[in-house]
């Protein structure tokens, strides 16, 4: 079978509380420069907030994704 829509095919949708949203943040240039050297800024910030017990993370959330 080639192409077309198949039942059960494709990636499953995330629950609504796990979907990512765009957030604009203003940071000093020196901070942005250092964050870029370490990788993708969004993932670095997300990881740091999750590891420092700053937020109550849902049980079904995987910090490594």
C-alpha atoms as a PDB file:
ATOM      1  CA  UNK A   1       0.000   0.000   0.000  1.00  0.00           C
ATOM      2  CA  UNK A   2       1.380   3.418  -0.930  1.00  0.00           C
ATOM      3  CA  UNK A   3       0.353   6.839   0.304  1.00  0.00           C
ATOM      4  CA  UNK A   4      -3.073   7.909   1.394  1.00  0.00           C
ATOM      5  CA  UNK A   5      -4.660   8.118   4.802  1.00  0.00           C
ATOM      6  CA  UNK A   6      -4.581   4.952   6.865  1.00  0.00           C
ATOM      7  CA  UNK A   7      -6.314   4.309  10.159  1.00  0.00           C
ATOM      8  CA  UNK A   8      -3.854   4.498  13.040  1.00  0.00           C
ATOM      9  CA  UNK A   9      -1.025   5.899  10.897  1.00  0.00           C
ATOM     10  CA  UNK A  10       1.065   8.894  11.923  1.00  0.00           C
ATOM     11  CA  UNK A  11       2.202  10.414  15.162  1.00  0.00           C
ATOM     12  CA  UNK A  12      -0.298  10.488  18.012  1.00  0.00           C
ATOM     13  CA  UNK A  13      -1.322  13.953  19.240  1.00  0.00           C
ATOM     14  CA  UNK A  14      -0.041  15.194  22.583  1.00  0.00           C
ATOM     15  CA  UNK A  15      -2.506  15.967  25.351  1.00  0.00           C
ATOM     16  CA  UNK A  16      -3.505  19.643  25.428  1.00  0.00           C
ATOM     17  CA  UNK A  17      -1.525  20.394  28.605  1.00  0.00           C
ATOM     18  CA  UNK A  18       1.719  19.132  26.993  1.00  0.00           C
ATOM     19  CA  UNK A  19       1.546  21.169  23.762  1.00  0.00           C
ATOM     20  CA  UNK A  20       4.209  23.847  23.391  1.00  0.00           C
ATOM     21  CA  UNK A  21       3.339  27.507  22.973  1.00  0.00           C
ATOM     22  CA  UNK A  22       5.396  30.413  21.745  1.00  0.00           C
ATOM     23  CA  UNK A  23       6.671  32.772  24.432  1.00  0.00           C
ATOM     24  CA  UNK A  24       8.753  35.849  23.689  1.00  0.00           C
ATOM     25  CA  UNK A  25      11.397  36.754  26.274  1.00  0.00           C
ATOM     26  CA  UNK A  26      13.825  39.665  26.321  1.00  0.00           C
ATOM     27  CA  UNK A  27      17.278  38.739  27.601  1.00  0.00           C
ATOM     28  CA  UNK A  28      20.594  40.622  27.677  1.00  0.00           C
ATOM     29  CA  UNK A  29      22.867  40.022  24.672  1.00  0.00           C
ATOM     30  CA  UNK A  30      25.604  38.420  26.800  1.00  0.00           C
ATOM     31  CA  UNK A  31      23.116  35.895  28.196  1.00  0.00           C
ATOM     32  CA  UNK A  32      21.785  34.984  24.734  1.00  0.00           C
ATOM     33  CA  UNK A  33      25.327  34.517  23.453  1.00  0.00           C
ATOM     34  CA  UNK A  34      26.202  32.082  26.247  1.00  0.00           C
ATOM     35  CA  UNK A  35      22.927  30.167  25.862  1.00  0.00           C
ATOM     36  CA  UNK A  36      23.459  29.767  22.091  1.00  0.00           C
ATOM     37  CA  UNK A  37      26.900  28.268  22.715  1.00  0.00           C
ATOM     38  CA  UNK A  38      25.310  25.588  24.915  1.00  0.00           C
ATOM     39  CA  UNK A  39      22.576  24.583  22.443  1.00  0.00           C
ATOM     40  CA  UNK A  40      18.988  25.482  21.643  1.00  0.00           C
ATOM     41  CA  UNK A  41      17.879  28.203  24.023  1.00  0.00           C
ATOM     42  CA  UNK A  42      14.301  26.947  24.459  1.00  0.00           C
ATOM     43  CA  UNK A  43      15.411  23.455  25.506  1.00  0.00           C
ATOM     44  CA  UNK A  44      18.056  24.812  27.881  1.00  0.00           C
ATOM     45  CA  UNK A  45      15.547  27.068  29.630  1.00  0.00           C
ATOM     46  CA  UNK A  46      12.908  24.332  29.772  1.00  0.00           C
ATOM     47  CA  UNK A  47      15.400  21.872  31.238  1.00  0.00           C
ATOM     48  CA  UNK A  48      16.659  24.296  33.863  1.00  0.00           C
ATOM     49  CA  UNK A  49      13.154  25.225  35.021  1.00  0.00           C
ATOM     50  CA  UNK A  50      12.216  21.560  35.267  1.00  0.00           C
ATOM     51  CA  UNK A  51      15.319  20.476  37.181  1.00  0.00           C
ATOM     52  CA  UNK A  52      15.315  23.157  39.854  1.00  0.00           C
ATOM     53  CA  UNK A  53      11.893  22.274  41.327  1.00  0.00           C
ATOM     54  CA  UNK A  54      10.716  25.706  40.237  1.00  0.00           C
ATOM     55  CA  UNK A  55       7.563  24.285  38.639  1.00  0.00           C
ATOM     56  CA  UNK A  56       5.152  21.441  39.397  1.00  0.00           C
ATOM     57  CA  UNK A  57       5.723  19.187  36.396  1.00  0.00           C
ATOM     58  CA  UNK A  58       2.848  16.880  35.274  1.00  0.00           C
ATOM     59  CA  UNK A  59       3.488  13.179  35.832  1.00  0.00           C
ATOM     60  CA  UNK A  60       3.134  12.379  32.117  1.00  0.00           C
ATOM     61  CA  UNK A  61       5.703  15.006  31.025  1.00  0.00           C
ATOM     62  CA  UNK A  62       9.172  13.865  29.939  1.00  0.00           C
ATOM     63  CA  UNK A  63      11.758  16.616  30.479  1.00  0.00           C
ATOM     64  CA  UNK A  64      14.074  15.035  27.881  1.00  0.00           C
ATOM     65  CA  UNK A  65      11.649  15.575  24.969  1.00  0.00           C
END
